Each structure stands twice: as structure tokens, then as C-alpha cells.
Amino acid sequence: MKTVEKLTDRWQKKLADRILDTYERTGTYRGDAQRNQRIRVPVEDIFPTYDRDDVDLEELRRFEASMLAFEKISPVRIVYKDKNIRNEFREFMVPASSVEPKLYDLAGRKPKRDIHADQIGLYEKYRGRNAVLDAFIADQVKLLRSDKNAWFAPEVAEDVLRTLDFLVINAGDILFREVSISLFGDSKYLEKQGILSKALRVLKQYGTFDFEENDFDTKKDYEDAILAEYLVYENPTYVNFNGKGELLFQNGTRLDLKAGVPVAVRSDRLADIVKIRVYADTILTIENLTSYNRLQTDAFQLYLAGYHNHARQEFLMRIQEQNPAILRWLHFGDIDPDGFCILENLRSRTGIDFQSYCMDIAWLKKYHAYTKRLNQNDKVKAQNLIQSGRYVEVLRYMLEKDEKLEQEIISWKEFRS
């Protein structure tokens, strides 16, 4: 039976890895070398104090013995400072053509091309399931076929792919930890192992959303919005509304809604509502929570929370379907380019003809003292909306005056009792 030779210490492993890393960047490895290549590693790269006066002599003796033993079992040769005396090392050398397979076997490594071939097989298993995964997989396979590393290490790539496959086809509200235990049997695995953040990296690059990171105050808010597009939440979400109406649930429960008495229904319970009656001729969505809590109008009011999520979208569409007598659909948000982008998002996602409320030039003029200057992102968004023919007058005024206004000052000044 053949004895399997192994490396015996950290120096041998370090030298073997250094040679293999260098080898995988050579033409010999790629198969396009124009000449016989040699790989050289200075002794100081493996034993930094080799030529220093304060070197530990006992440690130096063990190192030299280790390298002599390594030379006996490998194609690596020691190059001496004086080839006749042969008592001080200068470097280690190996012909590139002699590296495979011996050094890989000793180091317990596979050539990168073999590792990449295994990874390609993994990615191909998930191809054809959905557009987001397909676009991501195509780019990863392209990297691997050119012998470049994929985004994620082999040991975590399948966890990321499984998570993405789950997220993009998810059809019902679910929490982070429920996804984690469903896929990995551990409620904390997704976050503890960094899998969720890696999946988010893919979704940011390959997903299609009506918002961008600079639409949000924090990175977390942006990432929460992305996951909400797939009905995935850190904690249960609620739809907040206020106004006269009536809800009838599947189990027969009837809830009377009164103006001035805010109600919050958990998103995953909205499907249990069989009837929504609104006793008002106007629906008013409100971008920010402070203004939602301040306002009290005759309209049926709903807190939008910036870029609305799927639950709020579905709720509004069901209100429209069940209440054809509603005359006006209004939206109250910040008087800034992002506020109008949110309004456009609301219109496109629900198909409802929402109009702006308290978001025109008159309010900018009235509260001029509270305005702020536009940033570059504001200006880009304003120009894009103008080019599409939306909200042209107020946006041109904002660009001309270089000012924008948060809605909270209007709700406070105009609606306080």
C-alpha cells in the first residue's frame, strides 16, 4: 500500500501555498507559456528573521531541517547563497512544469481550475429558475470559466443560492428567522453566517426596483425595502390607517373604524379581511409617520412609510375595488424630488390615479424659511421627472430656487389643534 506523503509543519505548508498561488498566475498553469518558467520564493518570505542577528537559533535550526525534509519529498529545490558551501539558504525554486500534481497532493489542494469547474456545476444546478438568479449565475460562470474567483467562496455559495432561490419566488409574508429555519434548521443561521447580506448583494445588483439606495436615510432602510419587495421582513409589518369605515374578517369579526382612532392591522392578516368599507369620498396616503400622526382630515388616511411595500399596495387596490364611490385619491409627501418619485411609484404600483396634496409651489413659498438646498441626487431625479413630463412646474421652481421642503412642517403648522 502506497504511503501518502504529507507536509509536517507550518513552514512547509506556507512554502507550498506560496508556490501554488504563484503557479496559478503563470502561463504554464494556463497552458500558454512561451518558455520554461521557474518559480522562486526568497527565504525571508517563509522565515522573515532568517538573516537577522537576533534570530532564534533553535527556531532557525528547526526551519532549515524542515526545508531539507521538504526538498526530499517534493520537486522544490533549495538554492544556497554559496552553492559550494551550501550552508545558508537564499531561496526556494521549482520549475513550473514540475508543480502538478505533486505539490497539490502534498498541500492537500486542488488546482483552482478544478475548484472552479466544481463551482460551475453548482451554479448550473440553479440555472433556469428565475431571471434574477439566471443573470447572477451567468456572470459567475463567466468569471469561473476565465479562471477567476466567483463572488462567494465555495463553502458558502450554495447557501446563498438556496436563499436567493427561496426569496425570489416567495409569495407570502415571512420573517428573516422563518426563512432561516426553513432552509437551514437554525433561526439565526442567515444572519449569523452572513448569508442574508450576501444574498442582498446579489439582489441589489440584479434585482429591479423602483427605488435606489440614496432614496433612504440608512443602508438598513434600503435593504429592508429590497427584502420587502419579496415579502420578507425582520419583524411583522403593519398597515396603519385612520378614518370612518368597516372591516369584516373571514371568521365573522367586524371592526368599526372611526375617524381619529388609528388602527394597525398586521400585514399577514390583511388576507383575512373579506370586506373593506370606507365611509369617505377621499383616500389620503401620507409619506412620513410624524405627519400621519398629526393629520386629522375628513379623508380615510393611510400611512405609506416612504416607498410603499406589497402589503400597503394590495390594501389600497382592494379598497379601490370594493369602494367605487371614492372620488379622490391623494398623496401627501415631502416637497422634494424624492417625494414626487414616491408618488410616481405609488401610481405605477397600484394603477390608481393618485394626485399630490399640499405639494405645490404655494407651500414652498409659504414655508420658504424651512426649506433646504437640493443635493446632486435631488437635481438628477428632478430632471428625470421633468423629462418624463411629470410635475414640471413645481420641480422647475425647486431647481430654480434650489430648495425643497419636508412635509412635517406643513402638517404641524396647518393641522395642529
Protein backbone atom coordinates (compact mmCIF):
# COMPACT_ATOMS: atom_id res chain seq x y z
CA MET A 1 0.00 0.00 0.00
CA LYS A 2 1.39 3.40 -1.02
CA THR A 3 2.13 5.82 1.83
CA VAL A 4 0.61 9.26 1.34
CA GLU A 5 3.26 11.90 1.98
CA LYS A 6 2.14 14.92 3.95
CA LEU A 7 3.54 18.28 4.95
CA THR A 8 4.67 18.25 8.56
CA ASP A 9 4.69 21.87 9.73
CA ARG A 10 3.57 25.45 9.08
CA TRP A 11 6.73 26.37 7.13
CA GLN A 12 6.28 23.59 4.61
CA LYS A 13 2.59 24.46 4.22
CA LYS A 14 3.39 28.17 3.82
CA LEU A 15 6.02 27.49 1.14
CA ALA A 16 3.78 25.07 -0.75
CA ASP A 17 0.87 27.52 -0.71
CA ARG A 18 3.09 30.41 -1.79
CA ILE A 19 4.39 28.38 -4.74
CA LEU A 20 0.92 27.19 -5.75
CA ASP A 21 -0.53 30.69 -5.56
CA THR A 22 2.27 31.97 -7.79
CA TYR A 23 1.99 28.99 -10.13
CA GLU A 24 -1.72 29.68 -10.74
CA ARG A 25 -0.74 33.08 -12.16
CA THR A 26 1.75 31.64 -14.66
CA GLY A 27 1.44 30.83 -18.34
CA THR A 28 2.44 27.25 -17.54
CA TYR A 29 -0.71 26.86 -15.43
CA ARG A 30 -2.86 28.46 -18.15
CA GLY A 31 -1.19 26.41 -20.86
CA ASP A 32 0.13 29.36 -22.85
CA ALA A 33 3.73 29.66 -21.58
CA GLN A 34 6.25 30.70 -24.25
CA ARG A 35 9.26 29.45 -22.28
CA ASN A 36 10.22 27.18 -19.40
CA GLN A 37 9.17 29.05 -16.27
CA ARG A 38 10.62 28.79 -12.80
CA ILE A 39 9.02 29.86 -9.55
CA ARG A 40 11.31 31.38 -6.93
CA VAL A 41 10.46 32.22 -3.32
CA PRO A 42 13.00 34.18 -1.18
CA VAL A 43 13.78 32.50 2.12
CA GLU A 44 12.69 35.63 4.04
CA ASP A 45 9.15 35.19 2.65
CA ILE A 46 8.86 31.97 4.63
CA PHE A 47 11.14 32.74 7.60
CA PRO A 48 11.33 36.57 7.92
CA THR A 49 14.14 36.65 10.52
CA TYR A 50 16.43 34.28 8.60
CA ASP A 51 19.26 36.82 8.10
CA ARG A 52 18.73 38.87 11.25
CA ASP A 53 21.27 38.94 14.07
CA ASP A 54 18.57 38.39 16.70
CA VAL A 55 17.20 35.24 15.05
CA ASP A 56 16.24 32.42 17.43
CA LEU A 57 18.95 29.88 16.60
CA GLU A 58 16.95 26.88 17.77
CA GLU A 59 13.99 28.01 15.68
CA LEU A 60 16.31 28.56 12.71
CA ARG A 61 17.69 25.04 13.07
CA ARG A 62 14.17 23.56 13.04
CA PHE A 63 13.24 25.64 10.00
CA GLU A 64 16.28 24.51 7.98
CA ALA A 65 15.62 20.89 8.91
CA SER A 66 12.03 21.29 7.79
CA MET A 67 13.06 22.71 4.42
CA LEU A 68 15.63 19.93 3.85
CA ALA A 69 12.91 17.37 4.57
CA PHE A 70 10.54 19.17 2.21
CA GLU A 71 13.13 19.07 -0.55
CA LYS A 72 13.33 15.29 -0.27
CA ILE A 73 9.60 14.72 -0.86
CA SER A 74 8.84 17.50 -3.36
CA PRO A 75 10.06 18.98 -6.66
CA VAL A 76 11.15 22.13 -4.76
CA ARG A 77 14.90 22.77 -4.55
CA ILE A 78 16.83 24.88 -2.05
CA VAL A 79 19.11 27.50 -3.63
CA TYR A 80 22.11 28.35 -1.46
CA LYS A 81 23.92 31.66 -1.17
CA ASP A 82 27.13 29.77 -1.91
CA LYS A 83 26.48 26.67 -3.96
CA ASN A 84 29.81 25.19 -2.91
CA ILE A 85 29.49 25.64 0.84
CA ARG A 86 25.72 25.05 0.87
CA ASN A 87 25.13 26.22 4.43
CA GLU A 88 22.89 29.32 4.04
CA PHE A 89 19.64 29.38 2.12
CA ARG A 90 18.93 32.13 -0.40
CA GLU A 91 15.62 30.99 -1.93
CA PHE A 92 13.46 28.08 -2.97
CA MET A 93 12.97 27.20 -6.64
CA VAL A 94 10.78 24.85 -8.62
CA PRO A 95 10.23 24.51 -12.39
CA ALA A 96 6.63 25.49 -13.08
CA SER A 97 6.25 22.35 -15.19
CA SER A 98 7.03 20.19 -12.13
CA VAL A 99 4.38 21.65 -9.80
CA GLU A 100 1.48 19.43 -10.84
CA PRO A 101 0.34 17.14 -9.39
CA LYS A 102 2.94 16.57 -6.66
CA LEU A 103 2.75 19.90 -4.82
CA TYR A 104 -1.06 19.95 -4.93
CA ASP A 105 -1.15 16.48 -3.41
CA LEU A 106 1.30 17.44 -0.67
CA ALA A 107 -0.61 20.65 0.15
CA GLY A 108 -3.97 18.89 0.07
CA ARG A 109 -5.21 21.38 -2.51
CA LYS A 110 -6.93 21.20 -5.86
CA PRO A 111 -5.85 23.37 -8.79
CA LYS A 112 -8.02 26.45 -8.97
CA ARG A 113 -9.35 25.32 -12.38
CA ASP A 114 -10.71 22.13 -10.76
CA ILE A 115 -12.29 24.07 -7.92
CA HIS A 116 -13.85 26.42 -10.46
CA ALA A 117 -15.15 23.51 -12.52
CA ASP A 118 -16.85 22.12 -9.40
CA GLN A 119 -18.37 25.54 -8.72
CA ILE A 120 -19.68 25.87 -12.27
CA GLY A 121 -21.57 22.63 -11.72
CA LEU A 122 -23.10 24.06 -8.55
CA TYR A 123 -24.23 27.28 -10.25
CA GLU A 124 -25.65 25.40 -13.21
CA LYS A 125 -27.92 23.43 -10.85
CA TYR A 126 -29.79 26.67 -10.11
CA ARG A 127 -29.99 27.97 -13.67
CA GLY A 128 -33.40 28.41 -15.30
CA ARG A 129 -35.38 29.08 -12.12
CA ASN A 130 -35.87 32.85 -12.39
CA ALA A 131 -34.44 35.92 -14.10
CA VAL A 132 -32.54 37.28 -11.09
CA LEU A 133 -30.72 34.02 -10.44
CA ASP A 134 -30.06 33.46 -14.15
CA ALA A 135 -28.39 36.86 -14.56
CA PHE A 136 -26.26 36.32 -11.46
CA ILE A 137 -25.32 32.77 -12.44
CA ALA A 138 -24.35 33.80 -15.98
CA ASP A 139 -21.85 36.33 -14.61
CA GLN A 140 -20.44 33.93 -12.02
CA VAL A 141 -19.95 31.16 -14.59
CA LYS A 142 -18.24 33.66 -16.89
CA LEU A 143 -15.79 34.53 -14.10
CA LEU A 144 -15.15 30.88 -13.29
CA ARG A 145 -14.61 29.88 -16.92
CA SER A 146 -11.94 32.58 -17.17
CA ASP A 147 -10.31 31.08 -14.05
CA LYS A 148 -11.30 34.00 -11.84
CA ASN A 149 -12.92 33.67 -8.46
CA ALA A 150 -16.69 33.89 -8.11
CA TRP A 151 -18.19 36.40 -5.70
CA PHE A 152 -18.58 33.89 -2.90
CA ALA A 153 -16.31 31.17 -1.55
CA PRO A 154 -17.33 27.62 -2.49
CA GLU A 155 -18.29 26.75 1.09
CA VAL A 156 -21.00 29.46 1.23
CA ALA A 157 -22.06 29.75 -2.42
CA GLU A 158 -24.75 27.08 -2.23
CA ASP A 159 -26.24 28.63 0.92
CA VAL A 160 -26.51 31.94 -0.94
CA LEU A 161 -28.06 30.28 -4.00
CA ARG A 162 -30.60 28.40 -1.86
CA THR A 163 -31.53 31.60 -0.09
CA LEU A 164 -31.92 33.56 -3.32
CA ASP A 165 -33.98 30.78 -4.85
CA PHE A 166 -36.32 30.93 -1.87
CA LEU A 167 -36.58 34.73 -1.76
CA VAL A 168 -37.32 35.47 -5.39
CA ILE A 169 -40.25 33.04 -5.61
CA ASN A 170 -41.65 33.75 -2.14
CA ALA A 171 -45.36 34.54 -2.33
CA GLY A 172 -46.36 35.29 1.26
CA ASP A 173 -45.18 37.40 4.20
CA ILE A 174 -42.32 35.72 6.04
CA LEU A 175 -39.76 36.80 8.64
CA PHE A 176 -35.95 36.53 8.41
CA ARG A 177 -35.76 33.84 11.06
CA GLU A 178 -38.57 31.83 9.48
CA VAL A 179 -36.63 31.78 6.20
CA SER A 180 -33.51 30.75 8.11
CA ILE A 181 -35.07 27.85 9.96
CA SER A 182 -36.95 26.72 6.86
CA LEU A 183 -33.75 26.48 4.81
CA PHE A 184 -31.08 25.63 7.38
CA GLY A 185 -32.85 24.39 10.50
CA ASP A 186 -31.42 27.29 12.52
CA SER A 187 -33.37 30.51 13.06
CA LYS A 188 -30.20 32.60 13.31
CA TYR A 189 -28.14 30.99 10.55
CA LEU A 190 -28.93 33.50 7.79
CA GLU A 191 -27.69 36.47 9.78
CA LYS A 192 -25.04 34.71 11.90
CA GLN A 193 -23.26 33.28 8.83
CA GLY A 194 -23.65 36.45 6.75
CA ILE A 195 -25.76 34.66 4.14
CA LEU A 196 -28.51 37.28 4.15
CA SER A 197 -26.06 40.11 3.47
CA LYS A 198 -24.56 38.14 0.57
CA ALA A 199 -28.00 37.46 -0.89
CA LEU A 200 -28.76 41.17 -0.60
CA ARG A 201 -25.60 41.96 -2.56
CA VAL A 202 -26.97 39.88 -5.43
CA LEU A 203 -30.45 41.40 -5.22
CA LYS A 204 -29.02 44.92 -5.27
CA GLN A 205 -27.03 44.14 -8.40
CA TYR A 206 -29.53 42.05 -10.33
CA GLY A 207 -32.97 42.91 -8.93
CA THR A 208 -35.19 45.58 -10.44
CA PHE A 209 -36.72 48.11 -8.06
CA ASP A 210 -38.43 51.49 -8.30
CA PHE A 211 -36.02 52.97 -5.75
CA GLU A 212 -32.30 53.40 -5.17
CA GLU A 213 -30.07 53.35 -2.10
CA ASN A 214 -29.83 57.13 -1.98
CA ASP A 215 -33.61 57.30 -1.59
CA PHE A 216 -33.15 56.11 2.00
CA ASP A 217 -31.58 57.56 5.12
CA THR A 218 -29.67 54.42 6.00
CA LYS A 219 -28.31 51.29 4.32
CA LYS A 220 -30.56 49.18 6.56
CA ASP A 221 -33.68 51.03 5.40
CA TYR A 222 -32.64 50.37 1.80
CA GLU A 223 -32.01 46.69 2.42
CA ASP A 224 -35.29 46.33 4.34
CA ALA A 225 -37.10 47.85 1.35
CA ILE A 226 -35.46 45.35 -1.01
CA LEU A 227 -36.44 42.38 1.15
CA ALA A 228 -39.96 43.79 1.49
CA GLU A 229 -40.25 43.55 -2.31
CA TYR A 230 -40.01 39.80 -1.76
CA LEU A 231 -42.37 39.90 1.26
CA VAL A 232 -39.51 39.17 3.67
CA TYR A 233 -39.32 41.19 6.90
CA GLU A 234 -37.22 41.36 10.02
CA ASN A 235 -40.33 41.82 12.16
CA PRO A 236 -44.06 41.70 11.39
CA THR A 237 -45.22 44.75 9.42
CA TYR A 238 -48.44 46.62 9.93
CA VAL A 239 -50.73 48.69 7.76
CA ASN A 240 -51.74 51.83 9.67
CA PHE A 241 -54.92 53.70 8.76
CA ASN A 242 -57.36 56.17 10.25
CA GLY A 243 -60.89 57.12 9.19
CA LYS A 244 -64.52 56.07 9.06
CA GLY A 245 -65.18 52.61 7.74
CA GLU A 246 -65.73 48.95 8.47
CA LEU A 247 -63.71 45.75 8.17
CA LEU A 248 -65.20 42.28 8.02
CA PHE A 249 -62.88 39.31 8.64
CA GLN A 250 -63.26 35.73 7.44
CA ASN A 251 -64.06 34.50 10.92
CA GLY A 252 -67.02 36.88 11.15
CA THR A 253 -65.27 39.53 13.23
CA ARG A 254 -66.50 43.01 12.36
CA LEU A 255 -64.40 46.07 13.14
CA ASP A 256 -65.93 49.54 13.06
CA LEU A 257 -63.45 52.26 12.13
CA LYS A 258 -63.85 55.75 13.50
CA ALA A 259 -62.14 58.97 12.48
CA GLY A 260 -59.47 59.95 14.98
CA VAL A 261 -58.95 56.35 16.15
CA PRO A 262 -55.87 54.94 14.37
CA VAL A 263 -55.88 51.22 13.58
CA ALA A 264 -52.99 48.93 12.66
CA VAL A 265 -53.53 45.53 11.06
CA ARG A 266 -50.65 43.10 10.73
CA SER A 267 -49.77 42.60 7.08
CA ASP A 268 -50.25 38.85 7.11
CA ARG A 269 -53.81 39.31 8.45
CA LEU A 270 -54.91 41.55 5.58
CA ALA A 271 -55.80 38.47 3.51
CA ASP A 272 -58.31 37.55 6.25
CA ILE A 273 -60.30 40.72 5.53
CA VAL A 274 -63.17 39.89 3.19
CA LYS A 275 -64.80 43.33 3.10
CA ILE A 276 -63.39 46.84 3.38
CA ARG A 277 -65.92 49.66 3.58
CA VAL A 278 -64.70 53.24 3.52
CA TYR A 279 -67.15 55.97 4.52
CA ALA A 280 -65.33 58.85 2.88
CA ASP A 281 -65.02 60.19 -0.64
CA THR A 282 -61.25 60.69 -0.38
CA ILE A 283 -58.30 58.42 0.33
CA LEU A 284 -55.16 60.20 1.59
CA THR A 285 -51.82 58.38 1.79
CA ILE A 286 -49.11 60.02 3.89
CA GLU A 287 -45.38 59.52 3.39
CA ASN A 288 -43.98 60.07 6.88
CA LEU A 289 -45.15 58.82 10.28
CA THR A 290 -44.94 62.18 12.04
CA SER A 291 -47.34 63.76 9.55
CA TYR A 292 -49.62 60.71 9.65
CA ASN A 293 -49.89 61.03 13.42
CA ARG A 294 -50.52 64.78 13.18
CA LEU A 295 -53.11 64.92 10.39
CA GLN A 296 -56.82 64.63 11.02
CA THR A 297 -58.92 65.29 7.92
CA ASP A 298 -62.23 64.02 6.58
CA ALA A 299 -60.31 61.64 4.32
CA PHE A 300 -59.58 57.99 5.03
CA GLN A 301 -55.85 58.21 5.82
CA LEU A 302 -53.18 55.57 5.37
CA TYR A 303 -49.52 55.71 6.42
CA LEU A 304 -47.36 54.89 3.41
CA ALA A 305 -43.89 54.75 5.07
CA GLY A 306 -41.97 56.15 2.09
CA TYR A 307 -41.76 53.67 -0.77
CA HIS A 308 -44.78 51.52 -0.02
CA ASN A 309 -44.45 47.76 0.34
CA HIS A 310 -46.53 44.97 -1.15
CA ALA A 311 -48.97 44.85 1.78
CA ARG A 312 -49.93 48.51 1.52
CA GLN A 313 -50.15 48.25 -2.27
CA GLU A 314 -52.57 45.32 -2.08
CA PHE A 315 -54.63 47.01 0.63
CA LEU A 316 -55.09 50.17 -1.46
CA MET A 317 -56.05 48.17 -4.53
CA ARG A 318 -58.66 46.22 -2.56
CA ILE A 319 -60.08 49.46 -1.17
CA GLN A 320 -60.44 50.77 -4.72
CA GLU A 321 -62.07 47.55 -5.91
CA GLN A 322 -64.60 47.43 -3.08
CA ASN A 323 -65.35 51.16 -2.85
CA PRO A 324 -66.10 52.50 -6.34
CA ALA A 325 -67.73 55.64 -4.89
CA ILE A 326 -64.38 57.07 -3.73
CA LEU A 327 -63.87 60.28 -5.70
CA ARG A 328 -60.33 61.36 -4.90
CA TRP A 329 -57.07 59.58 -4.28
CA LEU A 330 -54.47 61.94 -2.78
CA HIS A 331 -50.90 61.61 -1.59
CA PHE A 332 -49.15 63.91 0.89
CA GLY A 333 -45.35 63.70 0.93
CA ASP A 334 -42.21 65.78 1.12
CA ILE A 335 -41.99 68.56 -1.45
CA ASP A 336 -38.75 67.30 -2.91
CA PRO A 337 -37.84 65.22 -5.97
CA ASP A 338 -37.84 62.02 -3.91
CA GLY A 339 -41.33 62.81 -2.63
CA PHE A 340 -42.59 63.04 -6.20
CA CYS A 341 -40.73 59.81 -7.11
CA ILE A 342 -42.60 58.11 -4.26
CA LEU A 343 -45.86 59.47 -5.67
CA GLU A 344 -44.97 58.09 -9.11
CA ASN A 345 -44.09 54.73 -7.54
CA LEU A 346 -47.48 54.71 -5.80
CA ARG A 347 -49.30 55.45 -9.05
CA SER A 348 -47.46 52.85 -11.10
CA ARG A 349 -47.60 50.06 -8.50
CA THR A 350 -51.32 50.40 -7.70
CA GLY A 351 -52.64 51.66 -11.05
CA ILE A 352 -54.59 54.29 -9.11
CA ASP A 353 -54.59 57.91 -10.27
CA PHE A 354 -53.17 59.49 -7.11
CA GLN A 355 -52.78 63.27 -7.11
CA SER A 356 -50.48 65.33 -4.90
CA TYR A 357 -51.79 67.03 -1.75
CA CYS A 358 -50.07 70.08 -0.20
CA MET A 359 -47.13 69.55 -2.54
CA ASP A 360 -47.16 72.57 -4.85
CA ILE A 361 -45.29 75.87 -5.23
CA ALA A 362 -47.59 77.72 -2.87
CA TRP A 363 -46.42 75.59 0.07
CA LEU A 364 -42.76 76.07 -0.85
CA LYS A 365 -43.32 79.82 -0.82
CA LYS A 366 -45.33 79.82 2.40
CA TYR A 367 -42.69 77.84 4.31
CA HIS A 368 -39.65 79.17 2.50
CA ALA A 369 -37.89 79.75 5.84
CA TYR A 370 -37.87 75.99 6.45
CA THR A 371 -36.59 74.87 3.06
CA LYS A 372 -33.26 73.14 2.44
CA ARG A 373 -30.99 73.14 -0.59
CA LEU A 374 -31.13 70.37 -3.17
CA ASN A 375 -28.33 67.84 -3.37
CA GLN A 376 -27.00 66.40 -6.62
CA ASN A 377 -29.23 63.35 -6.41
CA ASP A 378 -32.26 65.63 -5.99
CA LYS A 379 -31.33 67.51 -9.14
CA VAL A 380 -30.91 64.34 -11.17
CA LYS A 381 -34.29 63.00 -10.05
CA ALA A 382 -35.97 66.34 -10.75
CA GLN A 383 -34.56 66.46 -14.28
CA ASN A 384 -35.66 62.88 -14.95
CA LEU A 385 -39.21 63.61 -13.83
CA ILE A 386 -39.32 66.81 -15.89
CA GLN A 387 -38.13 64.93 -18.97
CA SER A 388 -40.97 62.46 -18.48
CA GLY A 389 -43.43 65.35 -18.26
CA ARG A 390 -44.31 64.83 -14.58
CA TYR A 391 -44.76 67.65 -12.03
CA VAL A 392 -42.89 70.01 -14.32
CA GLU A 393 -43.95 73.34 -12.81
CA VAL A 394 -43.13 72.63 -9.18
CA LEU A 395 -39.90 70.78 -10.00
CA ARG A 396 -38.62 73.56 -12.22
CA TYR A 397 -39.38 76.02 -9.42
CA MET A 398 -37.45 73.82 -6.98
CA LEU A 399 -34.46 73.71 -9.33
CA GLU A 400 -34.59 77.44 -9.98
CA LYS A 401 -34.81 78.33 -6.27
CA ASP A 402 -32.60 75.43 -5.15
CA GLU A 403 -34.95 74.46 -2.35
CA LYS A 404 -37.03 71.59 -1.03
CA LEU A 405 -39.32 71.15 1.96
CA GLU A 406 -40.11 68.32 4.35
CA GLN A 407 -43.81 67.70 4.90
CA GLU A 408 -43.63 67.68 8.72
CA ILE A 409 -43.56 71.48 8.94
CA ILE A 410 -46.79 71.70 6.92
CA SER A 411 -48.62 69.06 8.95
CA TRP A 412 -47.54 70.70 12.20
CA LYS A 413 -48.31 74.29 11.25
CA GLU A 414 -51.53 73.60 9.35
CA PHE A 415 -53.16 70.80 11.30
CA ARG A 416 -52.27 71.28 14.95
CA SER A 417 -55.30 71.80 17.17
